[in-house]
PDB file of N, CA and C in Angstrom:
ATOM      1  N   MET A   1       0.838  -1.174   0.000  1.00  0.00           N
ATOM      2  CA  MET A   1       0.000   0.000   0.000  1.00  0.00           C
ATOM      3  C   MET A   1       0.880   1.234   0.000  1.00  0.00           C
ATOM      4  N   GLY A   2       0.359   2.294  -0.577  1.00  0.00           N
ATOM      5  CA  GLY A   2       1.132   3.517  -0.672  1.00  0.00           C
ATOM      6  C   GLY A   2       0.422   4.694  -0.037  1.00  0.00           C
ATOM      7  N   ILE A   3       1.197   5.714   0.244  1.00  0.00           N
ATOM      8  CA  ILE A   3       0.660   6.949   0.813  1.00  0.00           C
ATOM      9  C   ILE A   3      -0.225   7.632  -0.232  1.00  0.00           C
ATOM     10  N   LEU A   4      -1.273   8.275   0.223  1.00  0.00           N
ATOM     11  CA  LEU A   4      -2.142   9.025  -0.671  1.00  0.00           C
ATOM     12  C   LEU A   4      -1.459  10.335  -1.041  1.00  0.00           C
ATOM     13  N   THR A   5      -1.503  10.683  -2.313  1.00  0.00           N
ATOM     14  CA  THR A   5      -0.945  11.963  -2.749  1.00  0.00           C
ATOM     15  C   THR A   5      -2.080  12.866  -3.220  1.00  0.00           C
ATOM     16  N   ASN A   6      -1.863  14.149  -3.157  1.00  0.00           N
ATOM     17  CA  ASN A   6      -2.918  15.116  -3.498  1.00  0.00           C
ATOM     18  C   ASN A   6      -3.432  14.944  -4.918  1.00  0.00           C
ATOM     19  N   SER A   7      -2.549  14.707  -5.859  1.00  0.00           N
ATOM     20  CA  SER A   7      -2.965  14.672  -7.260  1.00  0.00           C
ATOM     21  C   SER A   7      -3.693  13.387  -7.638  1.00  0.00           C
ATOM     22  N   THR A   8      -3.503  12.328  -6.877  1.00  0.00           N
ATOM     23  CA  THR A   8      -4.141  11.043  -7.210  1.00  0.00           C
ATOM     24  C   THR A   8      -4.826  10.434  -5.995  1.00  0.00           C
ATOM     25  N   ILE A   9      -5.422  11.262  -5.165  1.00  0.00           N
ATOM     26  CA  ILE A   9      -5.970  10.793  -3.890  1.00  0.00           C
ATOM     27  C   ILE A   9      -7.074   9.739  -4.062  1.00  0.00           C
ATOM     28  N   LEU A  10      -7.966   9.918  -5.021  1.00  0.00           N
ATOM     29  CA  LEU A  10      -9.046   8.948  -5.218  1.00  0.00           C
ATOM     30  C   LEU A  10      -8.507   7.620  -5.725  1.00  0.00           C
ATOM     31  N   ARG A  11      -7.653   7.683  -6.729  1.00  0.00           N
ATOM     32  CA  ARG A  11      -7.072   6.458  -7.281  1.00  0.00           C
ATOM     33  C   ARG A  11      -6.234   5.738  -6.229  1.00  0.00           C
ATOM     34  N   ASP A  12      -5.405   6.477  -5.499  1.00  0.00           N
ATOM     35  CA  ASP A  12      -4.565   5.871  -4.476  1.00  0.00           C
ATOM     36  C   ASP A  12      -5.406   5.204  -3.385  1.00  0.00           C
ATOM     37  N   GLY A  13      -6.447   5.896  -2.928  1.00  0.00           N
ATOM     38  CA  GLY A  13      -7.309   5.324  -1.896  1.00  0.00           C
ATOM     39  C   GLY A  13      -8.003   4.067  -2.375  1.00  0.00           C
ATOM     40  N   LEU A  14      -8.538   4.108  -3.576  1.00  0.00           N
ATOM     41  CA  LEU A  14      -9.230   2.958  -4.161  1.00  0.00           C
ATOM     42  C   LEU A  14      -8.291   1.765  -4.301  1.00  0.00           C
ATOM     43  N   PHE A  15      -7.104   2.002  -4.845  1.00  0.00           N
ATOM     44  CA  PHE A  15      -6.183   0.890  -5.056  1.00  0.00           C
ATOM     45  C   PHE A  15      -5.540   0.403  -3.766  1.00  0.00           C
ATOM     46  N   ASN A  16      -5.384   1.267  -2.759  1.00  0.00           N
ATOM     47  CA  ASN A  16      -4.902   0.791  -1.460  1.00  0.00           C
ATOM     48  C   ASN A  16      -5.897  -0.204  -0.853  1.00  0.00           C
ATOM     49  N   ILE A  17      -7.176   0.125  -0.928  1.00  0.00           N
ATOM     50  CA  ILE A  17      -8.192  -0.782  -0.383  1.00  0.00           C
ATOM     51  C   ILE A  17      -8.248  -2.068  -1.208  1.00  0.00           C
ATOM     52  N   LYS A  18      -8.231  -1.957  -2.529  1.00  0.00           N
ATOM     53  CA  LYS A  18      -8.251  -3.137  -3.399  1.00  0.00           C
ATOM     54  C   LYS A  18      -7.055  -4.047  -3.118  1.00  0.00           C
ATOM     55  N   ASN A  19      -5.862  -3.462  -3.033  1.00  0.00           N
ATOM     56  CA  ASN A  19      -4.665  -4.258  -2.775  1.00  0.00           C
ATOM     57  C   ASN A  19      -4.706  -4.912  -1.399  1.00  0.00           C
ATOM     58  N   PHE A  20      -5.216  -4.176  -0.409  1.00  0.00           N
ATOM     59  CA  PHE A  20      -5.348  -4.750   0.936  1.00  0.00           C
ATOM     60  C   PHE A  20      -6.277  -5.965   0.910  1.00  0.00           C
ATOM     61  N   LEU A  21      -7.433  -5.821   0.277  1.00  0.00           N
ATOM     62  CA  LEU A  21      -8.388  -6.926   0.213  1.00  0.00           C
ATOM     63  C   LEU A  21      -7.822  -8.097  -0.575  1.00  0.00           C
ATOM     64  N   SER A  22      -7.154  -7.826  -1.684  1.00  0.00           N
ATOM     65  CA  SER A  22      -6.569  -8.892  -2.503  1.00  0.00           C
ATOM     66  C   SER A  22      -5.532  -9.685  -1.721  1.00  0.00           C
ATOM     67  N   SER A  23      -4.790  -8.999  -0.865  1.00  0.00           N
ATOM     68  CA  SER A  23      -3.718  -9.650  -0.105  1.00  0.00           C
ATOM     69  C   SER A  23      -4.198 -10.346   1.160  1.00  0.00           C
ATOM     70  N   ASN A  24      -5.329  -9.908   1.718  1.00  0.00           N
ATOM     71  CA  ASN A  24      -5.716 -10.384   3.043  1.00  0.00           C
ATOM     72  C   ASN A  24      -7.000 -11.203   3.116  1.00  0.00           C
ATOM     73  N   ILE A  25      -7.827 -11.146   2.094  1.00  0.00           N
ATOM     74  CA  ILE A  25      -9.098 -11.866   2.137  1.00  0.00           C
ATOM     75  C   ILE A  25      -8.962 -13.166   1.361  1.00  0.00           C
ATOM     76  N   THR A  26      -9.408 -14.236   1.960  1.00  0.00           N
ATOM     77  CA  THR A  26      -9.298 -15.556   1.357  1.00  0.00           C
ATOM     78  C   THR A  26     -10.380 -15.759   0.308  1.00  0.00           C
ATOM     79  N   ASP A  27      -9.943 -16.128  -0.878  1.00  0.00           N
ATOM     80  CA  ASP A  27     -10.864 -16.459  -1.965  1.00  0.00           C
ATOM     81  C   ASP A  27     -11.284 -17.911  -1.792  1.00  0.00           C
ATOM     82  N   PRO A  28     -12.549 -18.174  -1.450  1.00  0.00           N
ATOM     83  CA  PRO A  28     -12.968 -19.556  -1.213  1.00  0.00           C
ATOM     84  C   PRO A  28     -12.961 -20.417  -2.479  1.00  0.00           C
ATOM     85  N   LYS A  29     -12.883 -19.789  -3.642  1.00  0.00           N
ATOM     86  CA  LYS A  29     -12.887 -20.532  -4.902  1.00  0.00           C
ATOM     87  C   LYS A  29     -11.578 -20.356  -5.671  1.00  0.00           C
ATOM     88  N   SER A  30     -10.498 -20.033  -4.975  1.00  0.00           N
ATOM     89  CA  SER A  30      -9.237 -19.752  -5.665  1.00  0.00           C
ATOM     90  C   SER A  30      -8.738 -20.922  -6.497  1.00  0.00           C
ATOM     91  N   SER A  31      -9.005 -22.140  -6.068  1.00  0.00           N
ATOM     92  CA  SER A  31      -8.515 -23.306  -6.811  1.00  0.00           C
ATOM     93  C   SER A  31      -9.289 -23.547  -8.096  1.00  0.00           C
ATOM     94  N   THR A  32     -10.502 -23.014  -8.192  1.00  0.00           N
ATOM     95  CA  THR A  32     -11.316 -23.236  -9.390  1.00  0.00           C
ATOM     96  C   THR A  32     -11.584 -21.960 -10.182  1.00  0.00           C
ATOM     97  N   ARG A  33     -11.118 -20.821  -9.674  1.00  0.00           N
ATOM     98  CA  ARG A  33     -11.360 -19.555 -10.372  1.00  0.00           C
ATOM     99  C   ARG A  33     -10.522 -19.515 -11.652  1.00  0.00           C
ATOM    100  N   PRO A  34     -11.148 -19.183 -12.782  1.00  0.00           N
ATOM    101  CA  PRO A  34     -10.402 -19.070 -14.044  1.00  0.00           C
ATOM    102  C   PRO A  34      -9.321 -17.992 -13.951  1.00  0.00           C
ATOM    103  N   ALA A  35      -8.245 -18.175 -14.673  1.00  0.00           N
ATOM    104  CA  ALA A  35      -7.105 -17.255 -14.612  1.00  0.00           C
ATOM    105  C   ALA A  35      -7.472 -15.836 -15.044  1.00  0.00           C
ATOM    106  N   ASN A  36      -8.456 -15.689 -15.905  1.00  0.00           N
ATOM    107  CA  ASN A  36      -8.832 -14.358 -16.384  1.00  0.00           C
ATOM    108  C   ASN A  36      -9.884 -13.685 -15.502  1.00  0.00           C
ATOM    109  N   GLN A  37     -10.217 -14.266 -14.365  1.00  0.00           N
ATOM    110  CA  GLN A  37     -11.212 -13.710 -13.451  1.00  0.00           C
ATOM    111  C   GLN A  37     -10.533 -13.174 -12.186  1.00  0.00           C
ATOM    112  N   GLN A  38     -10.946 -11.996 -11.752  1.00  0.00           N
ATOM    113  CA  GLN A  38     -10.420 -11.381 -10.538  1.00  0.00           C
ATOM    114  C   GLN A  38     -11.346 -11.663  -9.363  1.00  0.00           C
ATOM    115  N   PHE A  39     -10.770 -11.779  -8.174  1.00  0.00           N
ATOM    116  CA  PHE A  39     -11.563 -11.927  -6.950  1.00  0.00           C
ATOM    117  C   PHE A  39     -11.969 -10.559  -6.421  1.00  0.00           C
ATOM    118  N   VAL A  40     -11.082  -9.567  -6.543  1.00  0.00           N
ATOM    119  CA  VAL A  40     -11.367  -8.198  -6.091  1.00  0.00           C
ATOM    120  C   VAL A  40     -11.260  -7.275  -7.295  1.00  0.00           C
ATOM    121  N   MET A  41     -12.310  -6.470  -7.523  1.00  0.00           N
ATOM    122  CA  MET A  41     -12.361  -5.573  -8.679  1.00  0.00           C
ATOM    123  C   MET A  41     -12.668  -4.148  -8.242  1.00  0.00           C
ATOM    124  N   THR A  42     -12.293  -3.181  -9.082  1.00  0.00           N
ATOM    125  CA  THR A  42     -12.576  -1.780  -8.775  1.00  0.00           C
ATOM    126  C   THR A  42     -13.717  -1.222  -9.608  1.00  0.00           C
ATOM    127  N   SER A  43     -14.416  -2.070 -10.308  1.00  0.00           N
ATOM    128  CA  SER A  43     -15.606  -1.630 -11.045  1.00  0.00           C
ATOM    129  C   SER A  43     -16.575  -2.802 -11.128  1.00  0.00           C
ATOM    130  N   TYR A  44     -17.811  -2.484 -11.392  1.00  0.00           N
ATOM    131  CA  TYR A  44     -18.789  -3.544 -11.556  1.00  0.00           C
ATOM    132  C   TYR A  44     -18.499  -4.271 -12.864  1.00  0.00           C
ATOM    133  N   PRO A  45     -18.563  -5.579 -12.863  1.00  0.00           N
ATOM    134  CA  PRO A  45     -18.226  -6.334 -14.069  1.00  0.00           C
ATOM    135  C   PRO A  45     -19.244  -6.100 -15.197  1.00  0.00           C
ATOM    136  N   THR A  46     -18.739  -6.136 -16.415  1.00  0.00           N
ATOM    137  CA  THR A  46     -19.595  -5.977 -17.588  1.00  0.00           C
ATOM    138  C   THR A  46     -19.662  -7.262 -18.409  1.00  0.00           C
ATOM    139  N   ARG A  47     -19.027  -8.305 -17.922  1.00  0.00           N
ATOM    140  CA  ARG A  47     -19.048  -9.595 -18.608  1.00  0.00           C
ATOM    141  C   ARG A  47     -19.410 -10.671 -17.597  1.00  0.00           C
ATOM    142  N   PRO A  48     -19.660 -11.889 -18.038  1.00  0.00           N
ATOM    143  CA  PRO A  48     -19.992 -12.957 -17.083  1.00  0.00           C
ATOM    144  C   PRO A  48     -18.901 -13.102 -16.012  1.00  0.00           C
ATOM    145  N   VAL A  49     -19.333 -13.400 -14.797  1.00  0.00           N
ATOM    146  CA  VAL A  49     -18.400 -13.464 -13.671  1.00  0.00           C
ATOM    147  C   VAL A  49     -18.415 -14.833 -13.012  1.00  0.00           C
ATOM    148  N   PHE A  50     -17.404 -15.034 -12.181  1.00  0.00           N
ATOM    149  CA  PHE A  50     -17.264 -16.247 -11.393  1.00  0.00           C
ATOM    150  C   PHE A  50     -17.455 -15.838  -9.930  1.00  0.00           C
ATOM    151  N   TYR A  51     -18.507 -16.333  -9.311  1.00  0.00           N
ATOM    152  CA  TYR A  51     -18.823 -15.968  -7.923  1.00  0.00           C
ATOM    153  C   TYR A  51     -18.023 -16.807  -6.949  1.00  0.00           C
ATOM    154  N   PRO A  52     -17.728 -16.287  -5.768  1.00  0.00           N
ATOM    155  CA  PRO A  52     -17.958 -14.941  -5.264  1.00  0.00           C
ATOM    156  C   PRO A  52     -16.865 -13.988  -5.741  1.00  0.00           C
ATOM    157  N   PHE A  53     -17.166 -12.679  -5.639  1.00  0.00           N
ATOM    158  CA  PHE A  53     -16.166 -11.667  -5.905  1.00  0.00           C
ATOM    159  C   PHE A  53     -16.505 -10.421  -5.097  1.00  0.00           C
ATOM    160  N   ILE A  54     -15.533  -9.509  -5.033  1.00  0.00           N
ATOM    161  CA  ILE A  54     -15.653  -8.291  -4.239  1.00  0.00           C
ATOM    162  C   ILE A  54     -15.460  -7.100  -5.179  1.00  0.00           C
ATOM    163  N   THR A  55     -16.292  -6.070  -5.018  1.00  0.00           N
ATOM    164  CA  THR A  55     -16.065  -4.819  -5.750  1.00  0.00           C
ATOM    165  C   THR A  55     -15.772  -3.705  -4.748  1.00  0.00           C
ATOM    166  N   VAL A  56     -14.881  -2.815  -5.142  1.00  0.00           N
ATOM    167  CA  VAL A  56     -14.547  -1.623  -4.363  1.00  0.00           C
ATOM    168  C   VAL A  56     -14.812  -0.430  -5.266  1.00  0.00           C
ATOM    169  N   LYS A  57     -15.678   0.468  -4.828  1.00  0.00           N
ATOM    170  CA  LYS A  57     -16.066   1.621  -5.632  1.00  0.00           C
ATOM    171  C   LYS A  57     -15.906   2.910  -4.835  1.00  0.00           C
ATOM    172  N   ASP A  58     -15.543   3.980  -5.529  1.00  0.00           N
ATOM    173  CA  ASP A  58     -15.543   5.324  -4.953  1.00  0.00           C
ATOM    174  C   ASP A  58     -16.968   5.859  -5.059  1.00  0.00           C
ATOM    175  N   LEU A  59     -17.600   6.159  -3.936  1.00  0.00           N
ATOM    176  CA  LEU A  59     -18.978   6.638  -3.957  1.00  0.00           C
ATOM    177  C   LEU A  59     -19.066   8.140  -4.148  1.00  0.00           C
ATOM    178  N   ASN A  60     -18.372   8.878  -3.335  1.00  0.00           N
ATOM    179  CA  ASN A  60     -18.336  10.329  -3.491  1.00  0.00           C
ATOM    180  C   ASN A  60     -17.251  10.894  -2.588  1.00  0.00           C
ATOM    181  N   THR A  61     -16.944  12.132  -2.801  1.00  0.00           N
ATOM    182  CA  THR A  61     -15.897  12.809  -2.053  1.00  0.00           C
ATOM    183  C   THR A  61     -16.486  14.059  -1.421  1.00  0.00           C
ATOM    184  N   VAL A  62     -16.131  14.304  -0.177  1.00  0.00           N
ATOM    185  CA  VAL A  62     -16.661  15.465   0.524  1.00  0.00           C
ATOM    186  C   VAL A  62     -15.503  16.267   1.104  1.00  0.00           C
ATOM    187  N   ALA A  63     -15.359  17.484   0.662  1.00  0.00           N
ATOM    188  CA  ALA A  63     -14.365  18.388   1.235  1.00  0.00           C
ATOM    189  C   ALA A  63     -15.061  19.232   2.293  1.00  0.00           C
ATOM    190  N   SER A  64     -14.517  19.235   3.473  1.00  0.00           N
ATOM    191  CA  SER A  64     -15.092  20.010   4.579  1.00  0.00           C
ATOM    192  C   SER A  64     -14.488  21.410   4.599  1.00  0.00           C
ATOM    193  N   PRO A  65     -15.057  22.306   5.403  1.00  0.00           N
ATOM    194  CA  PRO A  65     -14.470  23.646   5.516  1.00  0.00           C
ATOM    195  C   PRO A  65     -13.032  23.577   6.038  1.00  0.00           C
ATOM    196  N   GLN A  66     -12.297  24.623   5.804  1.00  0.00           N
ATOM    197  CA  GLN A  66     -10.914  24.673   6.285  1.00  0.00           C
ATOM    198  C   GLN A  66     -10.873  24.529   7.800  1.00  0.00           C
ATOM    199  N   LEU A  67      -9.732  24.094   8.294  1.00  0.00           N
ATOM    200  CA  LEU A  67      -9.596  23.814   9.722  1.00  0.00           C
ATOM    201  C   LEU A  67      -9.504  25.066  10.580  1.00  0.00           C
ATOM    202  N   GLY A  68      -9.109  26.163  10.009  1.00  0.00           N
ATOM    203  CA  GLY A  68      -9.010  27.380  10.804  1.00  0.00           C
ATOM    204  C   GLY A  68      -8.803  28.593   9.933  1.00  0.00           C
ATOM    205  N   PHE A  69      -8.844  29.745  10.547  1.00  0.00           N
ATOM    206  CA  PHE A  69      -8.669  31.002   9.828  1.00  0.00           C
ATOM    207  C   PHE A  69      -7.296  31.036   9.175  1.00  0.00           C
ATOM    208  N   GLN A  70      -7.238  31.336   7.906  1.00  0.00           N
ATOM    209  CA  GLN A  70      -6.016  31.404   7.113  1.00  0.00           C
ATOM    210  C   GLN A  70      -5.261  30.075   7.079  1.00  0.00           C
ATOM    211  N   SER A  71      -5.981  28.998   7.193  1.00  0.00           N
ATOM    212  CA  SER A  71      -5.367  27.675   7.125  1.00  0.00           C
ATOM    213  C   SER A  71      -5.612  27.074   5.744  1.00  0.00           C
ATOM    214  N   GLU A  72      -4.616  26.427   5.211  1.00  0.00           N
ATOM    215  CA  GLU A  72      -4.783  25.742   3.933  1.00  0.00           C
ATOM    216  C   GLU A  72      -5.183  24.289   4.131  1.00  0.00           C
ATOM    217  N   ALA A  73      -5.097  23.801   5.359  1.00  0.00           N
ATOM    218  CA  ALA A  73      -5.433  22.404   5.652  1.00  0.00           C
ATOM    219  C   ALA A  73      -6.937  22.241   5.802  1.00  0.00           C
ATOM    220  N   MET A  74      -7.457  21.105   5.349  1.00  0.00           N
ATOM    221  CA  MET A  74      -8.870  20.805   5.526  1.00  0.00           C
ATOM    222  C   MET A  74      -9.049  19.289   5.546  1.00  0.00           C
ATOM    223  N   PRO A  75     -10.006  18.841   6.338  1.00  0.00           N
ATOM    224  CA  PRO A  75     -10.301  17.402   6.309  1.00  0.00           C
ATOM    225  C   PRO A  75     -10.981  17.056   4.987  1.00  0.00           C
ATOM    226  N   PHE A  76     -10.738  15.868   4.515  1.00  0.00           N
ATOM    227  CA  PHE A  76     -11.256  15.421   3.222  1.00  0.00           C
ATOM    228  C   PHE A  76     -11.810  14.026   3.431  1.00  0.00           C
ATOM    229  N   THR A  77     -13.081  13.815   3.145  1.00  0.00           N
ATOM    230  CA  THR A  77     -13.710  12.521   3.371  1.00  0.00           C
ATOM    231  C   THR A  77     -13.878  11.787   2.047  1.00  0.00           C
ATOM    232  N   LEU A  78     -13.319  10.598   1.973  1.00  0.00           N
ATOM    233  CA  LEU A  78     -13.479   9.729   0.811  1.00  0.00           C
ATOM    234  C   LEU A  78     -14.407   8.600   1.213  1.00  0.00           C
ATOM    235  N   ASN A  79     -15.444   8.380   0.445  1.00  0.00           N
ATOM    236  CA  ASN A  79     -16.387   7.303   0.735  1.00  0.00           C
ATOM    237  C   ASN A  79     -16.224   6.191  -0.288  1.00  0.00           C
ATOM    238  N   PHE A  80     -15.903   5.004   0.215  1.00  0.00           N
ATOM    239  CA  PHE A  80     -15.738   3.841  -0.642  1.00  0.00           C
ATOM    240  C   PHE A  80     -16.758   2.785  -0.247  1.00  0.00           C
ATOM    241  N   GLU A  81     -17.212   2.054  -1.222  1.00  0.00           N
ATOM    242  CA  GLU A  81     -18.128   0.949  -0.984  1.00  0.00           C
ATOM    243  C   GLU A  81     -17.384  -0.350  -1.269  1.00  0.00           C
ATOM    244  N   VAL A  82     -17.430  -1.260  -0.312  1.00  0.00           N
ATOM    245  CA  VAL A  82     -16.902  -2.605  -0.514  1.00  0.00           C
ATOM    246  C   VAL A  82     -18.103  -3.528  -0.508  1.00  0.00           C
ATOM    247  N   ARG A  83     -18.333  -4.201  -1.625  1.00  0.00           N
ATOM    248  CA  ARG A  83     -19.517  -5.047  -1.767  1.00  0.00           C
ATOM    249  C   ARG A  83     -19.096  -6.471  -2.110  1.00  0.00           C
ATOM    250  N   VAL A  84     -19.710  -7.427  -1.429  1.00  0.00           N
ATOM    251  CA  VAL A  84     -19.458  -8.845  -1.702  1.00  0.00           C
ATOM    252  C   VAL A  84     -20.609  -9.388  -2.541  1.00  0.00           C
ATOM    253  N   TRP A  85     -20.272 -10.004  -3.658  1.00  0.00           N
ATOM    254  CA  TRP A  85     -21.247 -10.615  -4.560  1.00  0.00           C
ATOM    255  C   TRP A  85     -21.053 -12.118  -4.481  1.00  0.00           C
ATOM    256  N   SER A  86     -22.138 -12.835  -4.238  1.00  0.00           N
ATOM    257  CA  SER A  86     -22.026 -14.282  -4.106  1.00  0.00           C
ATOM    258  C   SER A  86     -23.309 -14.960  -4.550  1.00  0.00           C
ATOM    259  N   ASP A  87     -23.167 -16.200  -4.946  1.00  0.00           N
ATOM    260  CA  ASP A  87     -24.354 -16.967  -5.320  1.00  0.00           C
ATOM    261  C   ASP A  87     -24.863 -17.812  -4.160  1.00  0.00           C
ATOM    262  N   ASN A  88     -24.206 -17.686  -2.978  1.00  0.00           N
ATOM    263  CA  ASN A  88     -24.727 -18.368  -1.798  1.00  0.00           C
ATOM    264  C   ASN A  88     -24.443 -17.547  -0.542  1.00  0.00           C
ATOM    265  N   THR A  89     -25.300 -17.691   0.421  1.00  0.00           N
ATOM    266  CA  THR A  89     -25.247 -16.884   1.639  1.00  0.00           C
ATOM    267  C   THR A  89     -24.017 -17.193   2.486  1.00  0.00           C
ATOM    268  N   GLU A  90     -23.608 -18.444   2.530  1.00  0.00           N
ATOM    269  CA  GLU A  90     -22.466 -18.821   3.367  1.00  0.00           C
ATOM    270  C   GLU A  90     -21.190 -18.102   2.927  1.00  0.00           C
ATOM    271  N   ASP A  91     -20.876 -18.127   1.634  1.00  0.00           N
ATOM    272  CA  ASP A  91     -19.687 -17.424   1.139  1.00  0.00           C
ATOM    273  C   ASP A  91     -19.788 -15.926   1.387  1.00  0.00           C
ATOM    274  N   ARG A  92     -20.950 -15.355   1.114  1.00  0.00           N
ATOM    275  CA  ARG A  92     -21.148 -13.912   1.310  1.00  0.00           C
ATOM    276  C   ARG A  92     -20.893 -13.520   2.764  1.00  0.00           C
ATOM    277  N   ASP A  93     -21.476 -14.271   3.695  1.00  0.00           N
ATOM    278  CA  ASP A  93     -21.320 -13.944   5.114  1.00  0.00           C
ATOM    279  C   ASP A  93     -19.886 -14.141   5.592  1.00  0.00           C
ATOM    280  N   THR A  94     -19.244 -15.207   5.146  1.00  0.00           N
ATOM    281  CA  THR A  94     -17.861 -15.492   5.552  1.00  0.00           C
ATOM    282  C   THR A  94     -16.909 -14.415   5.044  1.00  0.00           C
ATOM    283  N   ILE A  95     -17.029 -14.057   3.780  1.00  0.00           N
ATOM    284  CA  ILE A  95     -16.160 -13.037   3.191  1.00  0.00           C
ATOM    285  C   ILE A  95     -16.430 -11.675   3.824  1.00  0.00           C
ATOM    286  N   SER A  96     -17.686 -11.323   4.012  1.00  0.00           N
ATOM    287  CA  SER A  96     -18.031 -10.035   4.628  1.00  0.00           C
ATOM    288  C   SER A  96     -17.455  -9.920   6.031  1.00  0.00           C
ATOM    289  N   GLN A  97     -17.559 -10.982   6.809  1.00  0.00           N
ATOM    290  CA  GLN A  97     -17.019 -10.954   8.164  1.00  0.00           C
ATOM    291  C   GLN A  97     -15.496 -10.840   8.153  1.00  0.00           C
ATOM    292  N   GLU A  98     -14.850 -11.528   7.224  1.00  0.00           N
ATOM    293  CA  GLU A  98     -13.394 -11.452   7.116  1.00  0.00           C
ATOM    294  C   GLU A  98     -12.949 -10.031   6.719  1.00  0.00           C
ATOM    295  N   ILE A  99     -13.665  -9.412   5.800  1.00  0.00           N
ATOM    296  CA  ILE A  99     -13.352  -8.032   5.406  1.00  0.00           C
ATOM    297  C   ILE A  99     -13.488  -7.110   6.617  1.00  0.00           C
ATOM    298  N   TRP A 100     -14.600  -7.224   7.314  1.00  0.00           N
ATOM    299  CA  TRP A 100     -14.837  -6.376   8.492  1.00  0.00           C
ATOM    300  C   TRP A 100     -13.729  -6.545   9.526  1.00  0.00           C
ATOM    301  N   ASN A 101     -13.409  -7.788   9.846  1.00  0.00           N
ATOM    302  CA  ASN A 101     -12.384  -8.053  10.855  1.00  0.00           C
ATOM    303  C   ASN A 101     -11.016  -7.531  10.428  1.00  0.00           C
ATOM    304  N   ASP A 102     -10.620  -7.814   9.189  1.00  0.00           N
ATOM    305  CA  ASP A 102      -9.285  -7.416   8.733  1.00  0.00           C
ATOM    306  C   ASP A 102      -9.142  -5.900   8.615  1.00  0.00           C
ATOM    307  N   MET A 103     -10.161  -5.224   8.100  1.00  0.00           N
ATOM    308  CA  MET A 103     -10.072  -3.766   7.990  1.00  0.00           C
ATOM    309  C   MET A 103     -10.086  -3.112   9.363  1.00  0.00           C
ATOM    310  N   ARG A 104     -10.892  -3.630  10.260  1.00  0.00           N
ATOM    311  CA  ARG A 104     -10.940  -3.091  11.631  1.00  0.00           C
ATOM    312  C   ARG A 104      -9.609  -3.319  12.341  1.00  0.00           C
ATOM    313  N   ASP A 105      -9.052  -4.518  12.228  1.00  0.00           N
ATOM    314  CA  ASP A 105      -7.808  -4.840  12.918  1.00  0.00           C
ATOM    315  C   ASP A 105      -6.614  -4.090  12.340  1.00  0.00           C
ATOM    316  N   ASN A 106      -6.662  -3.722  11.080  1.00  0.00           N
ATOM    317  CA  ASN A 106      -5.549  -3.055  10.425  1.00  0.00           C
ATOM    318  C   ASN A 106      -5.552  -1.543  10.607  1.00  0.00           C
ATOM    319  N   ARG A 107      -6.645  -0.989  11.079  1.00  0.00           N
ATOM    320  CA  ARG A 107      -6.763   0.470  11.076  1.00  0.00           C
ATOM    321  C   ARG A 107      -5.819   1.169  12.032  1.00  0.00           C
ATOM    322  N   THR A 108      -5.448   0.543  13.143  1.00  0.00           N
ATOM    323  CA  THR A 108      -4.606   1.231  14.115  1.00  0.00           C
ATOM    324  C   THR A 108      -3.167   0.750  14.113  1.00  0.00           C
ATOM    325  N   THR A 109      -2.776  -0.017  13.110  1.00  0.00           N
ATOM    326  CA  THR A 109      -1.383  -0.454  13.026  1.00  0.00           C
ATOM    327  C   THR A 109      -0.562   0.735  12.541  1.00  0.00           C
ATOM    328  N   ALA A 110       0.162   1.357  13.449  1.00  0.00           N
ATOM    329  CA  ALA A 110       0.806   2.641  13.154  1.00  0.00           C
ATOM    330  C   ALA A 110       1.865   2.547  12.064  1.00  0.00           C
ATOM    331  N   SER A 111       2.562   1.428  11.958  1.00  0.00           N
ATOM    332  CA  SER A 111       3.654   1.352  10.981  1.00  0.00           C
ATOM    333  C   SER A 111       3.192   0.865   9.612  1.00  0.00           C
ATOM    334  N   THR A 112       2.163   0.026   9.555  1.00  0.00           N
ATOM    335  CA  THR A 112       1.760  -0.529   8.261  1.00  0.00           C
ATOM    336  C   THR A 112       0.274  -0.410   7.989  1.00  0.00           C
ATOM    337  N   GLY A 113      -0.505   0.017   8.949  1.00  0.00           N
ATOM    338  CA  GLY A 113      -1.957   0.039   8.784  1.00  0.00           C
ATOM    339  C   GLY A 113      -2.470   1.299   8.137  1.00  0.00           C
ATOM    340  N   TRP A 114      -3.780   1.475   8.235  1.00  0.00           N
ATOM    341  CA  TRP A 114      -4.431   2.631   7.628  1.00  0.00           C
ATOM    342  C   TRP A 114      -3.915   3.936   8.211  1.00  0.00           C
ATOM    343  N   GLU A 115      -3.590   3.952   9.502  1.00  0.00           N
ATOM    344  CA  GLU A 115      -3.085   5.169  10.137  1.00  0.00           C
ATOM    345  C   GLU A 115      -1.760   5.600   9.508  1.00  0.00           C
ATOM    346  N   ALA A 116      -0.904   4.643   9.173  1.00  0.00           N
ATOM    347  CA  ALA A 116       0.369   4.965   8.544  1.00  0.00           C
ATOM    348  C   ALA A 116       0.165   5.611   7.174  1.00  0.00           C
ATOM    349  N   LEU A 117      -0.948   5.295   6.521  1.00  0.00           N
ATOM    350  CA  LEU A 117      -1.268   5.859   5.207  1.00  0.00           C
ATOM    351  C   LEU A 117      -2.116   7.124   5.334  1.00  0.00           C
ATOM    352  N   GLU A 118      -2.343   7.550   6.576  1.00  0.00           N
ATOM    353  CA  GLU A 118      -3.187   8.702   6.868  1.00  0.00           C
ATOM    354  C   GLU A 118      -4.616   8.506   6.384  1.00  0.00           C
ATOM    355  N   MET A 119      -5.085   7.278   6.441  1.00  0.00           N
ATOM    356  CA  MET A 119      -6.486   6.947   6.149  1.00  0.00           C
ATOM    357  C   MET A 119      -7.123   6.608   7.494  1.00  0.00           C
ATOM    358  N   HIS A 120      -8.041   7.432   7.955  1.00  0.00           N
ATOM    359  CA  HIS A 120      -8.600   7.314   9.297  1.00  0.00           C
ATOM    360  C   HIS A 120     -10.101   6.981   9.250  1.00  0.00           C
ATOM    361  N   ASP A 121     -10.601   6.561  10.397  1.00  0.00           N
ATOM    362  CA  ASP A 121     -12.044   6.402  10.639  1.00  0.00           C
ATOM    363  C   ASP A 121     -12.731   5.334   9.809  1.00  0.00           C
ATOM    364  N   PHE A 122     -12.131   4.174   9.753  1.00  0.00           N
ATOM    365  CA  PHE A 122     -12.808   3.044   9.104  1.00  0.00           C
ATOM    366  C   PHE A 122     -13.870   2.532  10.030  1.00  0.00           C
TER     367      PHE A 122
END
């Protein structure tokens, strides 16, 4: 994962989350998934898919007012959606719980977690 930069903040945030999920979430069908199919995607698929899979989307961006008088700093909220698509409830629930646990557990790891990337409030 990489630090977010001003010029590519949306892309960096999206790909940091995608890379984190790709590296940490277990694909229950990895042994049978076709080589041309992804488990984690950054857009909704437009062709036939192999279930289950995960999509990560940028929903919207909210810039808040500046932090103080004559300050150039401002909080910036990025909203991402992580959605699990599955053809059965067991896979959906297992993957969703794993995503929740891993993202929650990684958020306060100061050297390698979300805090180190200055991504807060998961």
